[in-house]
Amino acid sequence: GGVRDRRRTLVALTEAGRAAFGVAAPVMRARRDALRAA
């Protein structure tokens, strides 16, 4: 629920979501770094 408006639904990251993000983040960061280098 939203902090001020409980009718507004928010999407939040879970621990499993953080873990999945952590797996993908390094390779996607390397992709952005390669573009910055080019």
Full PDB file with SEQRES, HELIX, SHEET, SSBOND, CRYST1, ORIGX, SCALE, CONECT and MASTER records, all heavy atoms in Angstrom:
SEQRES   1 A   38  GLY GLY VAL ARG ASP ARG ARG ARG THR LEU VAL ALA LEU          
SEQRES   2 A   38  THR GLU ALA GLY ARG ALA ALA PHE GLY VAL ALA ALA PRO          
SEQRES   3 A   38  VAL MET ARG ALA ARG ARG ASP ALA LEU ARG ALA ALA              
HELIX    1 AA1 GLU A   15  ALA A   37  1                                  23    
CRYST1    1.000    1.000    1.000  90.00  90.00  90.00 P 1           1          
ORIGX1      1.000000  0.000000  0.000000        0.00000                         
ORIGX2      0.000000  1.000000  0.000000        0.00000                         
ORIGX3      0.000000  0.000000  1.000000        0.00000                         
SCALE1      1.000000  0.000000  0.000000        0.00000                         
SCALE2      0.000000  1.000000  0.000000        0.00000                         
SCALE3      0.000000  0.000000  1.000000        0.00000                         
ATOM      1  N   GLY A   1       0.829  -1.199   0.000  1.00  0.00           N  
ATOM      2  CA  GLY A   1       0.000   0.000   0.000  1.00  0.00           C  
ATOM      3  C   GLY A   1       0.860   1.245   0.000  1.00  0.00           C  
ATOM      4  O   GLY A   1       2.007   1.232   0.449  1.00  0.00           O  
ATOM      5  N   GLY A   2       0.311   2.311  -0.522  1.00  0.00           N  
ATOM      6  CA  GLY A   2       1.009   3.591  -0.517  1.00  0.00           C  
ATOM      7  C   GLY A   2       1.155   4.118   0.896  1.00  0.00           C  
ATOM      8  O   GLY A   2       0.358   3.800   1.774  1.00  0.00           O  
ATOM      9  N   VAL A   3       2.150   4.942   1.126  1.00  0.00           N  
ATOM     10  CA  VAL A   3       2.397   5.482   2.461  1.00  0.00           C  
ATOM     11  C   VAL A   3       1.273   6.427   2.861  1.00  0.00           C  
ATOM     12  O   VAL A   3       0.713   6.329   3.946  1.00  0.00           O  
ATOM     13  CB  VAL A   3       3.762   6.220   2.497  1.00  0.00           C  
ATOM     14  CG1 VAL A   3       3.966   6.911   3.829  1.00  0.00           C  
ATOM     15  CG2 VAL A   3       4.885   5.244   2.226  1.00  0.00           C  
ATOM     16  N   ARG A   4       0.907   7.356   1.974  1.00  0.00           N  
ATOM     17  CA  ARG A   4      -0.144   8.325   2.290  1.00  0.00           C  
ATOM     18  C   ARG A   4      -1.528   7.857   1.866  1.00  0.00           C  
ATOM     19  O   ARG A   4      -2.512   8.199   2.475  1.00  0.00           O  
ATOM     20  CB  ARG A   4       0.166   9.654   1.612  1.00  0.00           C  
ATOM     21  CG  ARG A   4       1.362  10.335   2.198  1.00  0.00           C  
ATOM     22  CD  ARG A   4       1.460  11.738   1.690  1.00  0.00           C  
ATOM     23  NE  ARG A   4       2.591  12.388   2.327  1.00  0.00           N  
ATOM     24  CZ  ARG A   4       3.324  13.291   1.765  1.00  0.00           C  
ATOM     25  NH1 ARG A   4       3.066  13.693   0.548  1.00  0.00           N  
ATOM     26  NH2 ARG A   4       4.333  13.832   2.406  1.00  0.00           N  
ATOM     27  N   ASP A   5      -1.585   7.142   0.765  1.00  0.00           N  
ATOM     28  CA  ASP A   5      -2.871   6.727   0.201  1.00  0.00           C  
ATOM     29  C   ASP A   5      -2.879   5.206   0.087  1.00  0.00           C  
ATOM     30  O   ASP A   5      -2.308   4.655  -0.839  1.00  0.00           O  
ATOM     31  CB  ASP A   5      -3.063   7.388  -1.174  1.00  0.00           C  
ATOM     32  CG  ASP A   5      -4.399   7.038  -1.804  1.00  0.00           C  
ATOM     33  OD1 ASP A   5      -5.155   6.232  -1.221  1.00  0.00           O  
ATOM     34  OD2 ASP A   5      -4.683   7.565  -2.893  1.00  0.00           O  
ATOM     35  N   ARG A   6      -3.515   4.544   1.034  1.00  0.00           N  
ATOM     36  CA  ARG A   6      -3.524   3.084   1.057  1.00  0.00           C  
ATOM     37  C   ARG A   6      -4.255   2.489  -0.142  1.00  0.00           C  
ATOM     38  O   ARG A   6      -4.139   1.316  -0.418  1.00  0.00           O  
ATOM     39  CB  ARG A   6      -4.169   2.580   2.357  1.00  0.00           C  
ATOM     40  CG  ARG A   6      -3.346   2.887   3.573  1.00  0.00           C  
ATOM     41  CD  ARG A   6      -2.158   1.972   3.614  1.00  0.00           C  
ATOM     42  NE  ARG A   6      -1.351   2.279   4.795  1.00  0.00           N  
ATOM     43  CZ  ARG A   6      -0.102   1.938   4.906  1.00  0.00           C  
ATOM     44  NH1 ARG A   6       0.508   1.298   3.946  1.00  0.00           N  
ATOM     45  NH2 ARG A   6       0.571   2.241   5.975  1.00  0.00           N  
ATOM     46  N   ARG A   7      -5.019   3.325  -0.867  1.00  0.00           N  
ATOM     47  CA  ARG A   7      -5.714   2.820  -2.056  1.00  0.00           C  
ATOM     48  C   ARG A   7      -4.759   2.681  -3.236  1.00  0.00           C  
ATOM     49  O   ARG A   7      -5.032   1.960  -4.173  1.00  0.00           O  
ATOM     50  CB  ARG A   7      -6.867   3.743  -2.448  1.00  0.00           C  
ATOM     51  CG  ARG A   7      -7.965   3.772  -1.387  1.00  0.00           C  
ATOM     52  CD  ARG A   7      -8.945   4.846  -1.690  1.00  0.00           C  
ATOM     53  NE  ARG A   7      -8.258   6.138  -1.584  1.00  0.00           N  
ATOM     54  CZ  ARG A   7      -8.758   7.301  -1.953  1.00  0.00           C  
ATOM     55  NH1 ARG A   7      -9.944   7.373  -2.458  1.00  0.00           N  
ATOM     56  NH2 ARG A   7      -8.066   8.405  -1.816  1.00  0.00           N  
ATOM     57  N   ARG A   8      -3.670   3.401  -3.192  1.00  0.00           N  
ATOM     58  CA  ARG A   8      -2.698   3.346  -4.279  1.00  0.00           C  
ATOM     59  C   ARG A   8      -1.741   2.194  -4.028  1.00  0.00           C  
ATOM     60  O   ARG A   8      -1.085   2.113  -2.996  1.00  0.00           O  
ATOM     61  CB  ARG A   8      -1.906   4.642  -4.369  1.00  0.00           C  
ATOM     62  CG  ARG A   8      -0.799   4.550  -5.416  1.00  0.00           C  
ATOM     63  CD  ARG A   8      -0.237   5.863  -5.740  1.00  0.00           C  
ATOM     64  NE  ARG A   8      -1.161   6.473  -6.689  1.00  0.00           N  
ATOM     65  CZ  ARG A   8      -1.133   7.726  -7.047  1.00  0.00           C  
ATOM     66  NH1 ARG A   8      -0.248   8.529  -6.542  1.00  0.00           N  
ATOM     67  NH2 ARG A   8      -1.988   8.203  -7.911  1.00  0.00           N  
ATOM     68  N   THR A   9      -1.656   1.287  -4.984  1.00  0.00           N  
ATOM     69  CA  THR A   9      -0.792   0.125  -4.846  1.00  0.00           C  
ATOM     70  C   THR A   9       0.579   0.439  -5.408  1.00  0.00           C  
ATOM     71  O   THR A   9       0.710   0.967  -6.512  1.00  0.00           O  
ATOM     72  CB  THR A   9      -1.393  -1.074  -5.604  1.00  0.00           C  
ATOM     73  OG1 THR A   9      -2.683  -1.337  -5.061  1.00  0.00           O  
ATOM     74  CG2 THR A   9      -0.528  -2.302  -5.443  1.00  0.00           C  
ATOM     75  N   LEU A  10       1.579   0.111  -4.642  1.00  0.00           N  
ATOM     76  CA  LEU A  10       2.963   0.264  -5.078  1.00  0.00           C  
ATOM     77  C   LEU A  10       3.560  -1.116  -5.310  1.00  0.00           C  
ATOM     78  O   LEU A  10       3.181  -2.090  -4.660  1.00  0.00           O  
ATOM     79  CB  LEU A  10       3.785   1.003  -4.022  1.00  0.00           C  
ATOM     80  CG  LEU A  10       3.339   2.429  -3.690  1.00  0.00           C  
ATOM     81  CD1 LEU A  10       4.158   2.972  -2.529  1.00  0.00           C  
ATOM     82  CD2 LEU A  10       3.453   3.324  -4.900  1.00  0.00           C  
ATOM     83  N   VAL A  11       4.503  -1.173  -6.213  1.00  0.00           N  
ATOM     84  CA  VAL A  11       5.245  -2.402  -6.483  1.00  0.00           C  
ATOM     85  C   VAL A  11       6.590  -2.256  -5.786  1.00  0.00           C  
ATOM     86  O   VAL A  11       7.267  -1.232  -5.942  1.00  0.00           O  
ATOM     87  CB  VAL A  11       5.439  -2.606  -8.003  1.00  0.00           C  
ATOM     88  CG1 VAL A  11       6.208  -3.887  -8.277  1.00  0.00           C  
ATOM     89  CG2 VAL A  11       4.096  -2.607  -8.718  1.00  0.00           C  
ATOM     90  N   ALA A  12       6.955  -3.257  -5.019  1.00  0.00           N  
ATOM     91  CA  ALA A  12       8.211  -3.212  -4.266  1.00  0.00           C  
ATOM     92  C   ALA A  12       9.069  -4.427  -4.589  1.00  0.00           C  
ATOM     93  O   ALA A  12       8.559  -5.502  -4.917  1.00  0.00           O  
ATOM     94  CB  ALA A  12       7.915  -3.166  -2.764  1.00  0.00           C  
ATOM     95  N   LEU A  13      10.341  -4.245  -4.472  1.00  0.00           N  
ATOM     96  CA  LEU A  13      11.318  -5.308  -4.675  1.00  0.00           C  
ATOM     97  C   LEU A  13      11.325  -6.216  -3.441  1.00  0.00           C  
ATOM     98  O   LEU A  13      11.301  -5.729  -2.307  1.00  0.00           O  
ATOM     99  CB  LEU A  13      12.688  -4.655  -4.856  1.00  0.00           C  
ATOM    100  CG  LEU A  13      13.818  -5.405  -5.502  1.00  0.00           C  
ATOM    101  CD1 LEU A  13      13.421  -5.896  -6.889  1.00  0.00           C  
ATOM    102  CD2 LEU A  13      15.023  -4.490  -5.623  1.00  0.00           C  
ATOM    103  N   THR A  14      11.358  -7.511  -3.639  1.00  0.00           N  
ATOM    104  CA  THR A  14      11.460  -8.464  -2.533  1.00  0.00           C  
ATOM    105  C   THR A  14      12.928  -8.892  -2.399  1.00  0.00           C  
ATOM    106  O   THR A  14      13.771  -8.518  -3.232  1.00  0.00           O  
ATOM    107  CB  THR A  14      10.610  -9.713  -2.811  1.00  0.00           C  
ATOM    108  OG1 THR A  14      11.142 -10.352  -3.977  1.00  0.00           O  
ATOM    109  CG2 THR A  14       9.140  -9.368  -3.004  1.00  0.00           C  
ATOM    110  N   GLU A  15      13.205  -9.693  -1.399  1.00  0.00           N  
ATOM    111  CA  GLU A  15      14.578 -10.215  -1.256  1.00  0.00           C  
ATOM    112  C   GLU A  15      14.952 -11.061  -2.474  1.00  0.00           C  
ATOM    113  O   GLU A  15      16.077 -10.984  -2.969  1.00  0.00           O  
ATOM    114  CB  GLU A  15      14.719 -11.016   0.031  1.00  0.00           C  
ATOM    115  CG  GLU A  15      14.791 -10.161   1.276  1.00  0.00           C  
ATOM    116  CD  GLU A  15      15.892  -9.102   1.212  1.00  0.00           C  
ATOM    117  OE1 GLU A  15      17.033  -9.414   0.804  1.00  0.00           O  
ATOM    118  OE2 GLU A  15      15.601  -7.934   1.550  1.00  0.00           O  
ATOM    119  N   ALA A  16      14.017 -11.875  -2.961  1.00  0.00           N  
ATOM    120  CA  ALA A  16      14.289 -12.675  -4.158  1.00  0.00           C  
ATOM    121  C   ALA A  16      14.514 -11.767  -5.367  1.00  0.00           C  
ATOM    122  O   ALA A  16      15.358 -12.048  -6.220  1.00  0.00           O  
ATOM    123  CB  ALA A  16      13.136 -13.641  -4.436  1.00  0.00           C  
ATOM    124  N   GLY A  17      13.776 -10.683  -5.430  1.00  0.00           N  
ATOM    125  CA  GLY A  17      13.971  -9.717  -6.509  1.00  0.00           C  
ATOM    126  C   GLY A  17      15.332  -9.056  -6.432  1.00  0.00           C  
ATOM    127  O   GLY A  17      16.011  -8.861  -7.444  1.00  0.00           O  
ATOM    128  N   ARG A  18      15.747  -8.725  -5.201  1.00  0.00           N  
ATOM    129  CA  ARG A  18      17.089  -8.138  -5.016  1.00  0.00           C  
ATOM    130  C   ARG A  18      18.178  -9.131  -5.439  1.00  0.00           C  
ATOM    131  O   ARG A  18      19.166  -8.756  -6.061  1.00  0.00           O  
ATOM    132  CB  ARG A  18      17.302  -7.761  -3.549  1.00  0.00           C  
ATOM    133  CG  ARG A  18      16.948  -6.348  -3.228  1.00  0.00           C  
ATOM    134  CD  ARG A  18      17.341  -5.987  -1.792  1.00  0.00           C  
ATOM    135  NE  ARG A  18      16.208  -5.871  -0.899  1.00  0.00           N  
ATOM    136  CZ  ARG A  18      15.245  -4.981  -1.017  1.00  0.00           C  
ATOM    137  NH1 ARG A  18      15.255  -4.138  -2.006  1.00  0.00           N  
ATOM    138  NH2 ARG A  18      14.246  -4.935  -0.157  1.00  0.00           N  
ATOM    139  N   ALA A  19      17.963 -10.389  -5.109  1.00  0.00           N  
ATOM    140  CA  ALA A  19      18.945 -11.418  -5.471  1.00  0.00           C  
ATOM    141  C   ALA A  19      19.014 -11.582  -6.992  1.00  0.00           C  
ATOM    142  O   ALA A  19      20.107 -11.657  -7.562  1.00  0.00           O  
ATOM    143  CB  ALA A  19      18.599 -12.749  -4.809  1.00  0.00           C  
ATOM    144  N   ALA A  20      17.855 -11.614  -7.651  1.00  0.00           N  
ATOM    145  CA  ALA A  20      17.831 -11.741  -9.114  1.00  0.00           C  
ATOM    146  C   ALA A  20      18.474 -10.522  -9.760  1.00  0.00           C  
ATOM    147  O   ALA A  20      19.230 -10.644 -10.731  1.00  0.00           O  
ATOM    148  CB  ALA A  20      16.392 -11.911  -9.603  1.00  0.00           C  
ATOM    149  N   PHE A  21      18.188  -9.345  -9.208  1.00  0.00           N  
ATOM    150  CA  PHE A  21      18.812  -8.120  -9.705  1.00  0.00           C  
ATOM    151  C   PHE A  21      20.329  -8.206  -9.531  1.00  0.00           C  
ATOM    152  O   PHE A  21      21.083  -7.838 -10.433  1.00  0.00           O  
ATOM    153  CB  PHE A  21      18.248  -6.903  -8.966  1.00  0.00           C  
ATOM    154  CG  PHE A  21      18.935  -5.622  -9.329  1.00  0.00           C  
ATOM    155  CD1 PHE A  21      18.651  -4.978 -10.520  1.00  0.00           C  
ATOM    156  CD2 PHE A  21      19.889  -5.074  -8.490  1.00  0.00           C  
ATOM    157  CE1 PHE A  21      19.294  -3.800 -10.861  1.00  0.00           C  
ATOM    158  CE2 PHE A  21      20.539  -3.898  -8.817  1.00  0.00           C  
ATOM    159  CZ  PHE A  21      20.244  -3.262 -10.009  1.00  0.00           C  
ATOM    160  N   GLY A  22      20.763  -8.702  -8.385  1.00  0.00           N  
ATOM    161  CA  GLY A  22      22.190  -8.819  -8.113  1.00  0.00           C  
ATOM    162  C   GLY A  22      22.920  -9.733  -9.088  1.00  0.00           C  
ATOM    163  O   GLY A  22      24.084  -9.504  -9.416  1.00  0.00           O  
ATOM    164  N   VAL A  23      22.234 -10.765  -9.562  1.00  0.00           N  
ATOM    165  CA  VAL A  23      22.838 -11.675 -10.551  1.00  0.00           C  
ATOM    166  C   VAL A  23      22.996 -10.974 -11.900  1.00  0.00           C  
ATOM    167  O   VAL A  23      24.020 -11.083 -12.561  1.00  0.00           O  
ATOM    168  CB  VAL A  23      21.978 -12.954 -10.704  1.00  0.00           C  
ATOM    169  CG1 VAL A  23      22.430 -13.783 -11.898  1.00  0.00           C  
ATOM    170  CG2 VAL A  23      22.032 -13.776  -9.421  1.00  0.00           C  
ATOM    171  N   ALA A  24      21.970 -10.245 -12.316  1.00  0.00           N  
ATOM    172  CA  ALA A  24      21.972  -9.624 -13.642  1.00  0.00           C  
ATOM    173  C   ALA A  24      22.718  -8.293 -13.688  1.00  0.00           C  
ATOM    174  O   ALA A  24      23.238  -7.910 -14.740  1.00  0.00           O  
ATOM    175  CB  ALA A  24      20.530  -9.417 -14.112  1.00  0.00           C  
ATOM    176  N   ALA A  25      22.768  -7.583 -12.575  1.00  0.00           N  
ATOM    177  CA  ALA A  25      23.328  -6.228 -12.566  1.00  0.00           C  
ATOM    178  C   ALA A  25      24.763  -6.135 -13.099  1.00  0.00           C  
ATOM    179  O   ALA A  25      25.055  -5.236 -13.891  1.00  0.00           O  
ATOM    180  CB  ALA A  25      23.227  -5.623 -11.166  1.00  0.00           C  
ATOM    181  N   PRO A  26      25.686  -7.026 -12.702  1.00  0.00           N  
ATOM    182  CA  PRO A  26      27.062  -6.870 -13.191  1.00  0.00           C  
ATOM    183  C   PRO A  26      27.183  -6.964 -14.719  1.00  0.00           C  
ATOM    184  O   PRO A  26      27.908  -6.176 -15.340  1.00  0.00           O  
ATOM    185  CB  PRO A  26      27.822  -8.006 -12.503  1.00  0.00           C  
ATOM    186  CG  PRO A  26      27.031  -8.316 -11.282  1.00  0.00           C  
ATOM    187  CD  PRO A  26      25.594  -8.080 -11.686  1.00  0.00           C  
ATOM    188  N   VAL A  27      26.482  -7.891 -15.330  1.00  0.00           N  
ATOM    189  CA  VAL A  27      26.583  -8.042 -16.782  1.00  0.00           C  
ATOM    190  C   VAL A  27      25.931  -6.861 -17.498  1.00  0.00           C  
ATOM    191  O   VAL A  27      26.435  -6.382 -18.522  1.00  0.00           O  
ATOM    192  CB  VAL A  27      26.018  -9.400 -17.252  1.00  0.00           C  
ATOM    193  CG1 VAL A  27      24.507  -9.460 -17.160  1.00  0.00           C  
ATOM    194  CG2 VAL A  27      26.450  -9.698 -18.675  1.00  0.00           C  
ATOM    195  N   MET A  28      24.841  -6.344 -16.938  1.00  0.00           N  
ATOM    196  CA  MET A  28      24.183  -5.203 -17.569  1.00  0.00           C  
ATOM    197  C   MET A  28      24.987  -3.917 -17.338  1.00  0.00           C  
ATOM    198  O   MET A  28      25.010  -3.034 -18.186  1.00  0.00           O  
ATOM    199  CB  MET A  28      22.746  -5.069 -17.057  1.00  0.00           C  
ATOM    200  CG  MET A  28      21.870  -6.270 -17.440  1.00  0.00           C  
ATOM    201  SD  MET A  28      21.851  -6.639 -19.220  1.00  0.00           S  
ATOM    202  CE  MET A  28      20.592  -5.473 -19.740  1.00  0.00           C  
ATOM    203  N   ARG A  29      25.677  -3.834 -16.206  1.00  0.00           N  
ATOM    204  CA  ARG A  29      26.563  -2.694 -15.960  1.00  0.00           C  
ATOM    205  C   ARG A  29      27.729  -2.736 -16.940  1.00  0.00           C  
ATOM    206  O   ARG A  29      28.125  -1.703 -17.490  1.00  0.00           O  
ATOM    207  CB  ARG A  29      27.089  -2.710 -14.518  1.00  0.00           C  
ATOM    208  CG  ARG A  29      27.923  -1.486 -14.169  1.00  0.00           C  
ATOM    209  CD  ARG A  29      28.398  -1.464 -12.712  1.00  0.00           C  
ATOM    210  NE  ARG A  29      27.322  -1.700 -11.763  1.00  0.00           N  
ATOM    211  CZ  ARG A  29      27.154  -2.830 -11.060  1.00  0.00           C  
ATOM    212  NH1 ARG A  29      28.000  -3.833 -11.181  1.00  0.00           N  
ATOM    213  NH2 ARG A  29      26.148  -2.963 -10.221  1.00  0.00           N  
ATOM    214  N   ALA A  30      28.261  -3.924 -17.188  1.00  0.00           N  
ATOM    215  CA  ALA A  30      29.357  -4.069 -18.156  1.00  0.00           C  
ATOM    216  C   ALA A  30      28.896  -3.640 -19.549  1.00  0.00           C  
ATOM    217  O   ALA A  30      29.658  -3.037 -20.305  1.00  0.00           O  
ATOM    218  CB  ALA A  30      29.871  -5.507 -18.173  1.00  0.00           C  
ATOM    219  N   ARG A  31      27.651  -3.927 -19.877  1.00  0.00           N  
ATOM    220  CA  ARG A  31      27.090  -3.504 -21.163  1.00  0.00           C  
ATOM    221  C   ARG A  31      27.084  -1.975 -21.267  1.00  0.00           C  
ATOM    222  O   ARG A  31      27.487  -1.407 -22.279  1.00  0.00           O  
ATOM    223  CB  ARG A  31      25.672  -4.070 -21.277  1.00  0.00           C  
ATOM    224  CG  ARG A  31      24.944  -3.684 -22.539  1.00  0.00           C  
ATOM    225  CD  ARG A  31      23.525  -4.223 -22.495  1.00  0.00           C  
ATOM    226  NE  ARG A  31      22.894  -4.140 -23.782  1.00  0.00           N  
ATOM    227  CZ  ARG A  31      21.662  -3.711 -23.987  1.00  0.00           C  
ATOM    228  NH1 ARG A  31      20.909  -3.337 -22.979  1.00  0.00           N  
ATOM    229  NH2 ARG A  31      21.151  -3.672 -25.184  1.00  0.00           N  
ATOM    230  N   ARG A  32      26.615  -1.312 -20.204  1.00  0.00           N  
ATOM    231  CA  ARG A  32      26.601   0.161 -20.209  1.00  0.00           C  
ATOM    232  C   ARG A  32      28.021   0.724 -20.222  1.00  0.00           C  
ATOM    233  O   ARG A  32      28.291   1.714 -20.902  1.00  0.00           O  
ATOM    234  CB  ARG A  32      25.818   0.685 -18.999  1.00  0.00           C  
ATOM    235  CG  ARG A  32      24.331   0.389 -19.076  1.00  0.00           C  
ATOM    236  CD  ARG A  32      23.538   1.074 -17.975  1.00  0.00           C  
ATOM    237  NE  ARG A  32      23.998   0.818 -16.625  1.00  0.00           N  
ATOM    238  CZ  ARG A  32      23.702  -0.255 -15.904  1.00  0.00           C  
ATOM    239  NH1 ARG A  32      22.936  -1.210 -16.411  1.00  0.00           N  
ATOM    240  NH2 ARG A  32      24.149  -0.387 -14.673  1.00  0.00           N  
ATOM    241  N   ASP A  33      28.925   0.086 -19.492  1.00  0.00           N  
ATOM    242  CA  ASP A  33      30.319   0.537 -19.479  1.00  0.00           C  
ATOM    243  C   ASP A  33      30.958   0.422 -20.866  1.00  0.00           C  
ATOM    244  O   ASP A  33      31.733   1.289 -21.271  1.00  0.00           O  
ATOM    245  CB  ASP A  33      31.143  -0.257 -18.460  1.00  0.00           C  
ATOM    246  CG  ASP A  33      30.778   0.080 -17.015  1.00  0.00           C  
ATOM    247  OD1 ASP A  33      30.090   1.105 -16.786  1.00  0.00           O  
ATOM    248  OD2 ASP A  33      31.168  -0.700 -16.121  1.00  0.00           O  
ATOM    249  N   ALA A  34      30.644  -0.649 -21.585  1.00  0.00           N  
ATOM    250  CA  ALA A  34      31.179  -0.825 -22.946  1.00  0.00           C  
ATOM    251  C   ALA A  34      30.679   0.281 -23.865  1.00  0.00           C  
ATOM    252  O   ALA A  34      31.433   0.789 -24.705  1.00  0.00           O  
ATOM    253  CB  ALA A  34      30.791  -2.204 -23.494  1.00  0.00           C  
ATOM    254  N   LEU A  35      29.433   0.669 -23.707  1.00  0.00           N  
ATOM    255  CA  LEU A  35      28.893   1.760 -24.521  1.00  0.00           C  
ATOM    256  C   LEU A  35      29.592   3.071 -24.170  1.00  0.00           C  
ATOM    257  O   LEU A  35      29.961   3.845 -25.059  1.00  0.00           O  
ATOM    258  CB  LEU A  35      27.381   1.887 -24.309  1.00  0.00           C  
ATOM    259  CG  LEU A  35      26.673   2.876 -25.218  1.00  0.00           C  
ATOM    260  CD1 LEU A  35      26.720   2.413 -26.665  1.00  0.00           C  
ATOM    261  CD2 LEU A  35      25.240   3.073 -24.768  1.00  0.00           C  
ATOM    262  N   ARG A  36      29.805   3.301 -22.868  1.00  0.00           N  
ATOM    263  CA  ARG A  36      30.516   4.517 -22.441  1.00  0.00           C  
ATOM    264  C   ARG A  36      31.938   4.547 -22.992  1.00  0.00           C  
ATOM    265  O   ARG A  36      32.454   5.607 -23.330  1.00  0.00           O  
ATOM    266  CB  ARG A  36      30.554   4.608 -20.919  1.00  0.00           C  
ATOM    267  CG  ARG A  36      29.291   5.133 -20.317  1.00  0.00           C  
ATOM    268  CD  ARG A  36      29.467   5.426 -18.819  1.00  0.00           C  
ATOM    269  NE  ARG A  36      28.201   5.313 -18.147  1.00  0.00           N  
ATOM    270  CZ  ARG A  36      27.725   4.209 -17.573  1.00  0.00           C  
ATOM    271  NH1 ARG A  36      28.439   3.111 -17.546  1.00  0.00           N  
ATOM    272  NH2 ARG A  36      26.549   4.201 -16.996  1.00  0.00           N  
ATOM    273  N   ALA A  37      32.567   3.378 -23.088  1.00  0.00           N  
ATOM    274  CA  ALA A  37      33.933   3.319 -23.605  1.00  0.00           C  
ATOM    275  C   ALA A  37      33.984   3.548 -25.117  1.00  0.00           C  
ATOM    276  O   ALA A  37      34.984   4.040 -25.640  1.00  0.00           O  
ATOM    277  CB  ALA A  37      34.570   1.972 -23.268  1.00  0.00           C  
ATOM    278  N   ALA A  38      32.916   3.199 -25.805  1.00  0.00           N  
ATOM    279  CA  ALA A  38      32.889   3.316 -27.265  1.00  0.00           C  
ATOM    280  C   ALA A  38      32.593   4.737 -27.736  1.00  0.00           C  
ATOM    281  O   ALA A  38      32.923   5.087 -28.873  1.00  0.00           O  
ATOM    282  CB  ALA A  38      31.861   2.354 -27.846  1.00  0.00           C  
TER     283      ALA A  38                                                      
MASTER        0    0    0    1    0    0    0    6  282    1    0    3          
END                                                                             
